Amino acid sequence: MGSKVAFTAMEFGTQADYDLLFAGEAEKADDFAGRVLGWLRDMDTESPYQVTRLEHSLQTATRAERDGADEETVVCALLHDIGDILAPANHSQVAAALLAPYVSERNHWIIKHHGIFQGYYWFHFAGGDRHARERYRDHEYYQACVDFCAHWDQPSFDPAYDTLPLEHFEPMVRRLFAKEPAPFF
């Protein structure tokens, strides 16, 4: 990167400074999908599960697609655990934040809450409350998140499952992140 802004504190920035920053951000955004795909590939390492975290994500997306989910939902299924790369303790919220500017309110809510909903299957083994998801019982997306976990997420640890490869989903990921993101302000 050649050009630099003139300011040392944001309050002193000029239109020219911010135009330079916006152009740089636009360049980075052009390959955001490539970076996300790279993070997925980074999940292809040994784990205590019978499959890698990448294989789990691919299985989840494969199940969603085979159940007739729309493309945005399939990509959300693929990326639901992408937060494991940066923040395993709150991976759901990280994945939801990554997806928020590109997906529907419904899909964002499901991804943001899937960790608590998935806990139904294992929290009691760690001394937690497997029914923690019940606090959301009256939410309009409650059942959709239950279904996401029951049909796609929790059964996707099977090394014998006929899982589609990442290359199958790559064009979908690229289309999702090619959309104009919702503004954050």
C-alpha atoms as a PDB file:
ATOM      1  CA  MET A   1       0.000   0.000   0.000  1.00  0.00           C
ATOM      2  CA  GLY A   2       1.559   3.250  -1.088  1.00  0.00           C
ATOM      3  CA  SER A   3      -0.555   6.202   0.023  1.00  0.00           C
ATOM      4  CA  LYS A   4      -1.239   6.977   3.669  1.00  0.00           C
ATOM      5  CA  VAL A   5      -3.705   9.289   5.352  1.00  0.00           C
ATOM      6  CA  ALA A   6      -2.315  12.561   6.707  1.00  0.00           C
ATOM      7  CA  PHE A   7      -3.960  12.404  10.135  1.00  0.00           C
ATOM      8  CA  THR A   8      -2.715  10.856  13.364  1.00  0.00           C
ATOM      9  CA  ALA A   9      -6.110  11.118  15.064  1.00  0.00           C
ATOM     10  CA  MET A  10      -9.390  10.488  13.263  1.00  0.00           C
ATOM     11  CA  GLU A  11     -10.820  13.867  14.267  1.00  0.00           C
ATOM     12  CA  PHE A  12      -8.246  15.540  11.999  1.00  0.00           C
ATOM     13  CA  GLY A  13      -9.116  13.530   8.896  1.00  0.00           C
ATOM     14  CA  THR A  14     -10.122  15.242   5.679  1.00  0.00           C
ATOM     15  CA  GLN A  15     -12.405  14.092   2.880  1.00  0.00           C
ATOM     16  CA  ALA A  16      -9.293  13.102   0.915  1.00  0.00           C
ATOM     17  CA  ASP A  17      -8.072  10.987   3.846  1.00  0.00           C
ATOM     18  CA  TYR A  18     -11.359   9.199   4.148  1.00  0.00           C
ATOM     19  CA  ASP A  19     -11.669   8.727   0.384  1.00  0.00           C
ATOM     20  CA  LEU A  20      -8.292   6.972   0.532  1.00  0.00           C
ATOM     21  CA  LEU A  21      -9.480   4.752   3.388  1.00  0.00           C
ATOM     22  CA  PHE A  22     -12.761   3.920   1.626  1.00  0.00           C
ATOM     23  CA  ALA A  23     -10.878   2.910  -1.524  1.00  0.00           C
ATOM     24  CA  GLY A  24      -8.582   0.657   0.509  1.00  0.00           C
ATOM     25  CA  GLU A  25     -11.527  -0.962   2.257  1.00  0.00           C
ATOM     26  CA  ALA A  26     -13.237  -1.546  -1.096  1.00  0.00           C
ATOM     27  CA  GLU A  27     -10.136  -3.387  -2.344  1.00  0.00           C
ATOM     28  CA  LYS A  28     -10.136  -5.609   0.740  1.00  0.00           C
ATOM     29  CA  ALA A  29     -13.868  -6.247   0.359  1.00  0.00           C
ATOM     30  CA  ASP A  30     -13.345  -7.529  -3.170  1.00  0.00           C
ATOM     31  CA  ASP A  31     -11.696 -10.669  -1.781  1.00  0.00           C
ATOM     32  CA  PHE A  32     -13.544 -10.990   1.509  1.00  0.00           C
ATOM     33  CA  ALA A  33     -15.090 -14.249   0.297  1.00  0.00           C
ATOM     34  CA  GLY A  34     -11.593 -15.576  -0.409  1.00  0.00           C
ATOM     35  CA  ARG A  35     -10.524 -14.776   3.144  1.00  0.00           C
ATOM     36  CA  VAL A  36     -13.622 -16.475   4.564  1.00  0.00           C
ATOM     37  CA  LEU A  37     -12.946 -19.562   2.449  1.00  0.00           C
ATOM     38  CA  GLY A  38      -9.374 -19.547   3.750  1.00  0.00           C
ATOM     39  CA  TRP A  39     -10.655 -19.504   7.337  1.00  0.00           C
ATOM     40  CA  LEU A  40     -12.815 -22.503   6.520  1.00  0.00           C
ATOM     41  CA  ARG A  41      -9.785 -24.338   5.136  1.00  0.00           C
ATOM     42  CA  ASP A  42      -7.948 -23.509   8.373  1.00  0.00           C
ATOM     43  CA  MET A  43     -10.622 -25.555  10.161  1.00  0.00           C
ATOM     44  CA  ASP A  44      -9.445 -28.713   8.386  1.00  0.00           C
ATOM     45  CA  THR A  45      -7.290 -29.927  11.264  1.00  0.00           C
ATOM     46  CA  GLU A  46      -7.485 -32.824  13.681  1.00  0.00           C
ATOM     47  CA  SER A  47     -10.128 -32.569  16.369  1.00  0.00           C
ATOM     48  CA  PRO A  48     -11.539 -34.861  19.051  1.00  0.00           C
ATOM     49  CA  TYR A  49     -14.586 -35.353  16.822  1.00  0.00           C
ATOM     50  CA  GLN A  50     -14.606 -38.071  14.185  1.00  0.00           C
ATOM     51  CA  VAL A  51     -14.517 -35.303  11.568  1.00  0.00           C
ATOM     52  CA  THR A  52     -12.616 -32.033  11.308  1.00  0.00           C
ATOM     53  CA  ARG A  53     -14.378 -28.757  12.034  1.00  0.00           C
ATOM     54  CA  LEU A  54     -14.353 -28.108   8.263  1.00  0.00           C
ATOM     55  CA  GLU A  55     -15.987 -31.474   7.567  1.00  0.00           C
ATOM     56  CA  HIS A  56     -18.615 -30.686  10.210  1.00  0.00           C
ATOM     57  CA  SER A  57     -19.349 -27.365   8.522  1.00  0.00           C
ATOM     58  CA  LEU A  58     -19.526 -28.993   5.087  1.00  0.00           C
ATOM     59  CA  GLN A  59     -21.881 -31.682   6.402  1.00  0.00           C
ATOM     60  CA  THR A  60     -24.133 -29.071   7.967  1.00  0.00           C
ATOM     61  CA  ALA A  61     -24.321 -27.153   4.672  1.00  0.00           C
ATOM     62  CA  THR A  62     -24.795 -30.344   2.668  1.00  0.00           C
ATOM     63  CA  ARG A  63     -27.737 -31.358   4.857  1.00  0.00           C
ATOM     64  CA  ALA A  64     -29.256 -27.884   4.547  1.00  0.00           C
ATOM     65  CA  GLU A  65     -28.948 -27.933   0.761  1.00  0.00           C
ATOM     66  CA  ARG A  66     -30.372 -31.444   0.470  1.00  0.00           C
ATOM     67  CA  ASP A  67     -33.322 -30.365   2.612  1.00  0.00           C
ATOM     68  CA  GLY A  68     -34.077 -27.609   0.081  1.00  0.00           C
ATOM     69  CA  ALA A  69     -32.825 -24.597   2.043  1.00  0.00           C
ATOM     70  CA  ASP A  70     -32.279 -21.397   0.074  1.00  0.00           C
ATOM     71  CA  GLU A  71     -28.721 -20.433  -0.855  1.00  0.00           C
ATOM     72  CA  GLU A  72     -28.298 -17.850   1.904  1.00  0.00           C
ATOM     73  CA  THR A  73     -29.304 -20.415   4.516  1.00  0.00           C
ATOM     74  CA  VAL A  74     -26.958 -23.012   3.030  1.00  0.00           C
ATOM     75  CA  VAL A  75     -24.050 -20.559   3.292  1.00  0.00           C
ATOM     76  CA  CYS A  76     -25.058 -19.743   6.860  1.00  0.00           C
ATOM     77  CA  ALA A  77     -25.035 -23.481   7.618  1.00  0.00           C
ATOM     78  CA  LEU A  78     -21.550 -23.686   6.107  1.00  0.00           C
ATOM     79  CA  LEU A  79     -20.281 -20.728   8.136  1.00  0.00           C
ATOM     80  CA  HIS A  80     -22.165 -21.303  11.399  1.00  0.00           C
ATOM     81  CA  ASP A  81     -18.986 -22.353  13.254  1.00  0.00           C
ATOM     82  CA  ILE A  82     -16.499 -20.039  11.482  1.00  0.00           C
ATOM     83  CA  GLY A  83     -16.155 -18.170  14.770  1.00  0.00           C
ATOM     84  CA  ASP A  84     -14.222 -21.158  16.151  1.00  0.00           C
ATOM     85  CA  ILE A  85     -11.171 -19.737  14.346  1.00  0.00           C
ATOM     86  CA  LEU A  86     -11.126 -16.547  16.443  1.00  0.00           C
ATOM     87  CA  ALA A  87     -13.270 -17.097  19.522  1.00  0.00           C
ATOM     88  CA  PRO A  88     -14.268 -20.648  20.443  1.00  0.00           C
ATOM     89  CA  ALA A  89     -15.974 -19.494  23.653  1.00  0.00           C
ATOM     90  CA  ASN A  90     -18.445 -17.310  21.753  1.00  0.00           C
ATOM     91  CA  HIS A  91     -18.172 -18.672  18.230  1.00  0.00           C
ATOM     92  CA  SER A  92     -21.885 -18.230  17.508  1.00  0.00           C
ATOM     93  CA  GLN A  93     -21.775 -14.488  18.098  1.00  0.00           C
ATOM     94  CA  VAL A  94     -18.593 -14.112  16.024  1.00  0.00           C
ATOM     95  CA  ALA A  95     -20.109 -16.028  13.096  1.00  0.00           C
ATOM     96  CA  ALA A  96     -23.298 -13.979  13.372  1.00  0.00           C
ATOM     97  CA  ALA A  97     -21.339 -10.708  13.392  1.00  0.00           C
ATOM     98  CA  LEU A  98     -19.425 -11.765  10.276  1.00  0.00           C
ATOM     99  CA  LEU A  99     -22.651 -12.638   8.460  1.00  0.00           C
ATOM    100  CA  ALA A 100     -24.875  -9.801   9.748  1.00  0.00           C
ATOM    101  CA  PRO A 101     -24.354  -7.300   6.904  1.00  0.00           C
ATOM    102  CA  TYR A 102     -25.117  -9.951   4.267  1.00  0.00           C
ATOM    103  CA  VAL A 103     -27.978 -12.095   5.589  1.00  0.00           C
ATOM    104  CA  SER A 104     -31.578 -11.848   6.708  1.00  0.00           C
ATOM    105  CA  GLU A 105     -32.560 -11.054  10.273  1.00  0.00           C
ATOM    106  CA  ARG A 106     -33.818 -14.630  10.589  1.00  0.00           C
ATOM    107  CA  ASN A 107     -30.548 -16.266   9.536  1.00  0.00           C
ATOM    108  CA  HIS A 108     -28.537 -13.843  11.652  1.00  0.00           C
ATOM    109  CA  TRP A 109     -30.613 -14.719  14.733  1.00  0.00           C
ATOM    110  CA  ILE A 110     -30.289 -18.462  14.114  1.00  0.00           C
ATOM    111  CA  ILE A 111     -26.518 -18.308  13.741  1.00  0.00           C
ATOM    112  CA  LYS A 112     -26.147 -15.998  16.737  1.00  0.00           C
ATOM    113  CA  HIS A 113     -28.146 -18.341  18.990  1.00  0.00           C
ATOM    114  CA  HIS A 114     -27.283 -21.783  17.620  1.00  0.00           C
ATOM    115  CA  GLY A 115     -24.647 -22.361  20.312  1.00  0.00           C
ATOM    116  CA  ILE A 116     -27.211 -22.123  23.106  1.00  0.00           C
ATOM    117  CA  PHE A 117     -29.698 -24.209  21.130  1.00  0.00           C
ATOM    118  CA  GLN A 118     -27.057 -26.822  20.327  1.00  0.00           C
ATOM    119  CA  GLY A 119     -26.395 -26.983  24.066  1.00  0.00           C
ATOM    120  CA  TYR A 120     -29.614 -28.958  24.374  1.00  0.00           C
ATOM    121  CA  TYR A 121     -27.579 -31.968  23.257  1.00  0.00           C
ATOM    122  CA  TRP A 122     -24.637 -31.558  25.616  1.00  0.00           C
ATOM    123  CA  PHE A 123     -24.876 -28.844  28.309  1.00  0.00           C
ATOM    124  CA  HIS A 124     -26.061 -31.373  30.922  1.00  0.00           C
ATOM    125  CA  PHE A 125     -22.821 -33.334  30.472  1.00  0.00           C
ATOM    126  CA  ALA A 126     -20.847 -30.210  31.447  1.00  0.00           C
ATOM    127  CA  GLY A 127     -23.000 -29.301  34.449  1.00  0.00           C
ATOM    128  CA  GLY A 128     -25.123 -26.826  32.506  1.00  0.00           C
ATOM    129  CA  ASP A 129     -28.808 -26.497  31.739  1.00  0.00           C
ATOM    130  CA  ARG A 130     -29.699 -28.297  28.549  1.00  0.00           C
ATOM    131  CA  HIS A 131     -32.953 -26.310  28.456  1.00  0.00           C
ATOM    132  CA  ALA A 132     -31.207 -22.913  28.384  1.00  0.00           C
ATOM    133  CA  ARG A 133     -32.732 -22.292  24.960  1.00  0.00           C
ATOM    134  CA  GLU A 134     -36.185 -22.167  26.537  1.00  0.00           C
ATOM    135  CA  ARG A 135     -35.645 -18.520  27.501  1.00  0.00           C
ATOM    136  CA  TYR A 136     -36.206 -17.841  23.782  1.00  0.00           C
ATOM    137  CA  ARG A 137     -39.353 -20.001  23.526  1.00  0.00           C
ATOM    138  CA  ASP A 138     -41.532 -17.010  22.535  1.00  0.00           C
ATOM    139  CA  HIS A 139     -39.138 -15.662  19.911  1.00  0.00           C
ATOM    140  CA  GLU A 140     -40.363 -15.848  16.320  1.00  0.00           C
ATOM    141  CA  TYR A 141     -37.215 -17.715  15.206  1.00  0.00           C
ATOM    142  CA  TYR A 142     -37.104 -20.171  18.125  1.00  0.00           C
ATOM    143  CA  GLN A 143     -38.401 -23.162  16.142  1.00  0.00           C
ATOM    144  CA  ALA A 144     -36.214 -22.348  13.138  1.00  0.00           C
ATOM    145  CA  CYS A 145     -33.133 -22.473  15.392  1.00  0.00           C
ATOM    146  CA  VAL A 146     -34.327 -25.727  17.017  1.00  0.00           C
ATOM    147  CA  ASP A 147     -34.722 -27.190  13.519  1.00  0.00           C
ATOM    148  CA  PHE A 148     -31.324 -25.880  12.361  1.00  0.00           C
ATOM    149  CA  CYS A 149     -29.645 -27.688  15.244  1.00  0.00           C
ATOM    150  CA  ALA A 150     -31.791 -30.842  15.153  1.00  0.00           C
ATOM    151  CA  HIS A 151     -31.668 -31.477  11.408  1.00  0.00           C
ATOM    152  CA  TRP A 152     -28.381 -29.986  10.260  1.00  0.00           C
ATOM    153  CA  ASP A 153     -25.920 -29.099  13.041  1.00  0.00           C
ATOM    154  CA  GLN A 154     -26.077 -31.854  15.664  1.00  0.00           C
ATOM    155  CA  PRO A 155     -26.076 -34.853  13.280  1.00  0.00           C
ATOM    156  CA  SER A 156     -23.119 -33.516  11.247  1.00  0.00           C
ATOM    157  CA  PHE A 157     -20.247 -35.358  12.913  1.00  0.00           C
ATOM    158  CA  ASP A 158     -20.509 -38.503  10.795  1.00  0.00           C
ATOM    159  CA  PRO A 159     -17.373 -39.585   8.904  1.00  0.00           C
ATOM    160  CA  ALA A 160     -19.490 -41.856   6.670  1.00  0.00           C
ATOM    161  CA  TYR A 161     -21.864 -39.099   5.505  1.00  0.00           C
ATOM    162  CA  ASP A 162     -21.727 -38.292   1.778  1.00  0.00           C
ATOM    163  CA  THR A 163     -20.562 -34.697   2.231  1.00  0.00           C
ATOM    164  CA  LEU A 164     -20.222 -32.232  -0.625  1.00  0.00           C
ATOM    165  CA  PRO A 165     -16.756 -30.634  -0.984  1.00  0.00           C
ATOM    166  CA  LEU A 166     -15.937 -27.010  -0.237  1.00  0.00           C
ATOM    167  CA  GLU A 167     -15.566 -26.341  -3.979  1.00  0.00           C
ATOM    168  CA  HIS A 168     -19.291 -27.041  -4.357  1.00  0.00           C
ATOM    169  CA  PHE A 169     -20.135 -24.220  -1.924  1.00  0.00           C
ATOM    170  CA  GLU A 170     -17.461 -21.732  -2.995  1.00  0.00           C
ATOM    171  CA  PRO A 171     -19.600 -19.996  -5.666  1.00  0.00           C
ATOM    172  CA  MET A 172     -22.397 -19.575  -3.106  1.00  0.00           C
ATOM    173  CA  VAL A 173     -20.002 -18.008  -0.595  1.00  0.00           C
ATOM    174  CA  ARG A 174     -18.670 -15.675  -3.266  1.00  0.00           C
ATOM    175  CA  ARG A 175     -22.204 -14.618  -4.281  1.00  0.00           C
ATOM    176  CA  LEU A 176     -23.203 -13.917  -0.674  1.00  0.00           C
ATOM    177  CA  PHE A 177     -20.185 -11.729   0.035  1.00  0.00           C
ATOM    178  CA  ALA A 178     -20.455  -9.984  -3.339  1.00  0.00           C
ATOM    179  CA  LYS A 179     -23.709  -8.424  -2.134  1.00  0.00           C
ATOM    180  CA  GLU A 180     -23.559  -4.850  -0.966  1.00  0.00           C
ATOM    181  CA  PRO A 181     -23.278  -5.121   2.827  1.00  0.00           C
ATOM    182  CA  ALA A 182     -25.828  -3.367   5.002  1.00  0.00           C
ATOM    183  CA  PRO A 183     -24.326  -0.202   6.484  1.00  0.00           C
ATOM    184  CA  PHE A 184     -23.244  -0.414  10.108  1.00  0.00           C
ATOM    185  CA  PHE A 185     -24.336   3.121  10.967  1.00  0.00           C
END
